[in-house]
Amino acid sequence: MRVGMGVADIRYRPQFDPWAAKVRIAFNAAAISPEQIANLLDIAGFGVGVGEWRPEKDGSFGRFHVSRG
């Protein structure tokens, strides 16, 4: 990859398959429902993602979804 002023550099992008994370979320239940929170996270997982080369950075990795089970 190219960094800074176009200088080439080696970068490692590990892949963890499968991966999962438990996240605790505090929210105002009078303003938004748990289902709406899950939907917002699903949208973020599809359009933004996490890590390097995620969709937000024109990549094709790093997408995630909310496990409902």
Protein backbone atom coordinates (compact mmCIF):
# COMPACT_ATOMS: atom_id res chain seq x y z
CA MET A 1 0.00 0.00 0.00
CA ARG A 2 0.99 3.65 -0.36
CA VAL A 3 1.28 5.94 2.68
CA GLY A 4 2.25 9.54 3.23
CA MET A 5 3.89 11.00 0.13
CA GLY A 6 3.30 7.89 -1.98
CA VAL A 7 5.94 5.78 -0.22
CA ALA A 8 5.30 2.03 -0.45
CA ASP A 9 4.82 0.19 2.85
CA ILE A 10 3.87 -3.37 3.81
CA ARG A 11 0.64 -3.73 5.78
CA TYR A 12 -0.84 -6.90 7.20
CA ARG A 13 -4.61 -7.25 7.27
CA PRO A 14 -5.52 -10.37 9.24
CA GLN A 15 -8.84 -12.08 8.77
CA PHE A 16 -10.67 -13.65 11.71
CA ASP A 17 -13.24 -16.15 10.51
CA PRO A 18 -15.67 -16.56 12.19
CA TRP A 19 -15.62 -13.68 14.65
CA ALA A 20 -18.09 -12.22 17.12
CA ALA A 21 -18.25 -9.54 19.81
CA LYS A 22 -20.64 -8.91 22.66
CA VAL A 23 -21.46 -5.22 23.01
CA ARG A 24 -23.36 -3.59 25.87
CA ILE A 25 -25.41 -0.60 24.72
CA ALA A 26 -27.10 2.02 26.91
CA PHE A 27 -29.94 3.93 25.27
CA ASN A 28 -33.06 5.97 26.02
CA ALA A 29 -35.92 3.48 25.74
CA ALA A 30 -38.41 6.38 25.64
CA ALA A 31 -36.85 7.57 22.37
CA ILE A 32 -35.81 4.38 20.56
CA SER A 33 -36.59 0.66 20.82
CA PRO A 34 -34.12 -2.25 21.07
CA GLU A 35 -35.28 -3.38 17.62
CA GLN A 36 -34.42 0.04 16.17
CA ILE A 37 -30.97 -0.11 17.78
CA ALA A 38 -30.38 -3.55 16.22
CA ASN A 39 -31.50 -2.25 12.82
CA LEU A 40 -29.16 0.75 13.08
CA LEU A 41 -26.26 -1.58 13.90
CA ASP A 42 -27.14 -3.81 10.94
CA ILE A 43 -27.12 -0.79 8.63
CA ALA A 44 -23.74 0.31 10.05
CA GLY A 45 -22.36 -3.20 9.61
CA PHE A 46 -23.38 -3.24 5.97
CA GLY A 47 -22.40 0.28 4.93
CA VAL A 48 -19.53 1.19 7.27
CA GLY A 49 -18.02 -1.99 8.74
CA VAL A 50 -14.97 -2.29 10.99
CA GLY A 51 -11.23 -2.55 10.40
CA GLU A 52 -9.12 -1.83 7.34
CA TRP A 53 -10.55 -2.15 3.84
CA ARG A 54 -14.12 -1.86 5.10
CA PRO A 55 -17.00 -0.69 2.86
CA GLU A 56 -16.68 2.90 4.13
CA LYS A 57 -13.12 2.94 2.72
CA ASP A 58 -14.04 1.36 -0.64
CA GLY A 59 -13.17 -2.12 0.61
CA SER A 60 -15.11 -5.34 0.61
CA PHE A 61 -14.31 -6.69 4.10
CA GLY A 62 -15.27 -5.81 7.68
CA ARG A 63 -19.04 -6.11 7.33
CA PHE A 64 -21.02 -7.34 10.32
CA HIS A 65 -24.59 -7.99 11.45
CA VAL A 66 -26.49 -8.34 14.71
CA SER A 67 -27.02 -11.95 15.78
CA ARG A 68 -30.62 -12.38 16.82
CA GLY A 69 -30.34 -15.77 18.39
